């Protein structure tokens, strides 16, 4: 599970790119992304949010496998990223 997420930008001869750095238990994952990729990631996150919202409406948080897996603190942190 990610423990830290950082965003930044970098400029090279081709222009500006976004850098998404995710600190996980396995190490740091860094992704260089352009605008198209950033939009695709945003769409994917919105789909995940929608599915999570519909799931939590159907079940109490204690019943969902995601809640047990992430724990109350992590789920709250993810929700605060909205």
C-alpha atoms as a PDB file:
ATOM      1  CA  UNK A   1       0.000   0.000   0.000  1.00  0.00           C
ATOM      2  CA  UNK A   2       1.281   3.475  -0.806  1.00  0.00           C
ATOM      3  CA  UNK A   3       2.424   5.448   2.188  1.00  0.00           C
ATOM      4  CA  UNK A   4       3.362   8.703   0.454  1.00  0.00           C
ATOM      5  CA  UNK A   5       2.432  10.281  -2.852  1.00  0.00           C
ATOM      6  CA  UNK A   6       4.299  13.279  -4.272  1.00  0.00           C
ATOM      7  CA  UNK A   7       3.812  15.186  -7.513  1.00  0.00           C
ATOM      8  CA  UNK A   8       6.225  17.455  -9.324  1.00  0.00           C
ATOM      9  CA  UNK A   9       7.160  18.568 -12.819  1.00  0.00           C
ATOM     10  CA  UNK A  10      10.337  18.430 -14.840  1.00  0.00           C
ATOM     11  CA  UNK A  11      11.296  20.258 -18.007  1.00  0.00           C
ATOM     12  CA  UNK A  12      13.424  18.883 -20.800  1.00  0.00           C
ATOM     13  CA  UNK A  13      14.030  19.770 -24.447  1.00  0.00           C
ATOM     14  CA  UNK A  14      10.598  18.351 -25.369  1.00  0.00           C
ATOM     15  CA  UNK A  15       8.647  20.338 -22.778  1.00  0.00           C
ATOM     16  CA  UNK A  16       7.227  19.759 -19.319  1.00  0.00           C
ATOM     17  CA  UNK A  17       6.288  16.368 -17.892  1.00  0.00           C
ATOM     18  CA  UNK A  18       4.657  15.425 -14.626  1.00  0.00           C
ATOM     19  CA  UNK A  19       6.399  13.203 -12.120  1.00  0.00           C
ATOM     20  CA  UNK A  20       4.255  11.054  -9.839  1.00  0.00           C
ATOM     21  CA  UNK A  21       6.283   9.475  -7.018  1.00  0.00           C
ATOM     22  CA  UNK A  22       4.686   6.813  -4.836  1.00  0.00           C
ATOM     23  CA  UNK A  23       6.519   5.437  -1.805  1.00  0.00           C
ATOM     24  CA  UNK A  24       5.407   1.850  -1.235  1.00  0.00           C
ATOM     25  CA  UNK A  25       6.535  -0.890   1.100  1.00  0.00           C
ATOM     26  CA  UNK A  26       8.577  -2.243  -1.834  1.00  0.00           C
ATOM     27  CA  UNK A  27      10.307   1.071  -2.614  1.00  0.00           C
ATOM     28  CA  UNK A  28       9.675   4.196  -4.672  1.00  0.00           C
ATOM     29  CA  UNK A  29       7.683   4.022  -7.888  1.00  0.00           C
ATOM     30  CA  UNK A  30       8.210   7.073 -10.091  1.00  0.00           C
ATOM     31  CA  UNK A  31       6.127   7.697 -13.188  1.00  0.00           C
ATOM     32  CA  UNK A  32       6.838  10.327 -15.828  1.00  0.00           C
ATOM     33  CA  UNK A  33       3.523  11.348 -17.361  1.00  0.00           C
ATOM     34  CA  UNK A  34       2.293  13.689 -20.054  1.00  0.00           C
ATOM     35  CA  UNK A  35      -1.075  15.459 -20.170  1.00  0.00           C
ATOM     36  CA  UNK A  36      -2.819  12.554 -21.908  1.00  0.00           C
ATOM     37  CA  UNK A  37      -1.573  10.077 -19.316  1.00  0.00           C
ATOM     38  CA  UNK A  38      -2.536  12.429 -16.477  1.00  0.00           C
ATOM     39  CA  UNK A  39      -6.077  12.604 -17.871  1.00  0.00           C
ATOM     40  CA  UNK A  40      -6.231   8.803 -18.137  1.00  0.00           C
ATOM     41  CA  UNK A  41      -5.080   8.450 -14.517  1.00  0.00           C
ATOM     42  CA  UNK A  42      -7.673  11.022 -13.414  1.00  0.00           C
ATOM     43  CA  UNK A  43     -10.418   9.096 -15.225  1.00  0.00           C
ATOM     44  CA  UNK A  44      -9.272   5.830 -13.644  1.00  0.00           C
ATOM     45  CA  UNK A  45      -9.269   7.370 -10.155  1.00  0.00           C
ATOM     46  CA  UNK A  46     -12.776   8.768 -10.715  1.00  0.00           C
ATOM     47  CA  UNK A  47     -13.972   5.296 -11.717  1.00  0.00           C
ATOM     48  CA  UNK A  48     -12.418   3.802  -8.584  1.00  0.00           C
ATOM     49  CA  UNK A  49     -14.067   6.486  -6.419  1.00  0.00           C
ATOM     50  CA  UNK A  50     -17.428   5.782  -8.009  1.00  0.00           C
ATOM     51  CA  UNK A  51     -17.103   2.052  -7.390  1.00  0.00           C
ATOM     52  CA  UNK A  52     -15.962   2.613  -3.808  1.00  0.00           C
ATOM     53  CA  UNK A  53     -18.854   4.994  -3.164  1.00  0.00           C
ATOM     54  CA  UNK A  54     -21.423   2.531  -4.501  1.00  0.00           C
ATOM     55  CA  UNK A  55     -19.826  -0.282  -2.493  1.00  0.00           C
ATOM     56  CA  UNK A  56     -19.879   1.667   0.774  1.00  0.00           C
ATOM     57  CA  UNK A  57     -23.529   2.575   0.211  1.00  0.00           C
ATOM     58  CA  UNK A  58     -24.397  -1.121  -0.105  1.00  0.00           C
ATOM     59  CA  UNK A  59     -22.311  -2.352   2.844  1.00  0.00           C
ATOM     60  CA  UNK A  60     -21.031  -0.901   6.045  1.00  0.00           C
ATOM     61  CA  UNK A  61     -17.280  -0.093   5.912  1.00  0.00           C
ATOM     62  CA  UNK A  62     -16.488  -2.901   8.366  1.00  0.00           C
ATOM     63  CA  UNK A  63     -17.950  -5.448   5.929  1.00  0.00           C
ATOM     64  CA  UNK A  64     -15.871  -4.477   2.895  1.00  0.00           C
ATOM     65  CA  UNK A  65     -12.637  -6.318   2.187  1.00  0.00           C
ATOM     66  CA  UNK A  66     -11.064  -3.009   1.142  1.00  0.00           C
ATOM     67  CA  UNK A  67     -11.726  -1.481   4.551  1.00  0.00           C
ATOM     68  CA  UNK A  68     -10.156  -4.446   6.323  1.00  0.00           C
ATOM     69  CA  UNK A  69      -7.210  -4.374   3.935  1.00  0.00           C
ATOM     70  CA  UNK A  70      -6.535  -0.629   4.120  1.00  0.00           C
ATOM     71  CA  UNK A  71      -7.634   0.044   7.645  1.00  0.00           C
ATOM     72  CA  UNK A  72      -9.579   3.040   8.874  1.00  0.00           C
ATOM     73  CA  UNK A  73      -6.615   5.448   8.787  1.00  0.00           C
ATOM     74  CA  UNK A  74      -5.530   4.673   5.223  1.00  0.00           C
ATOM     75  CA  UNK A  75      -9.060   4.844   3.838  1.00  0.00           C
ATOM     76  CA  UNK A  76      -9.530   8.233   5.469  1.00  0.00           C
ATOM     77  CA  UNK A  77      -6.276   9.470   3.924  1.00  0.00           C
ATOM     78  CA  UNK A  78      -7.351   8.313   0.461  1.00  0.00           C
ATOM     79  CA  UNK A  79     -10.721   9.997   0.852  1.00  0.00           C
ATOM     80  CA  UNK A  80      -8.976  13.232   1.791  1.00  0.00           C
ATOM     81  CA  UNK A  81      -7.121  13.234  -1.563  1.00  0.00           C
ATOM     82  CA  UNK A  82     -10.372  14.136  -3.379  1.00  0.00           C
END
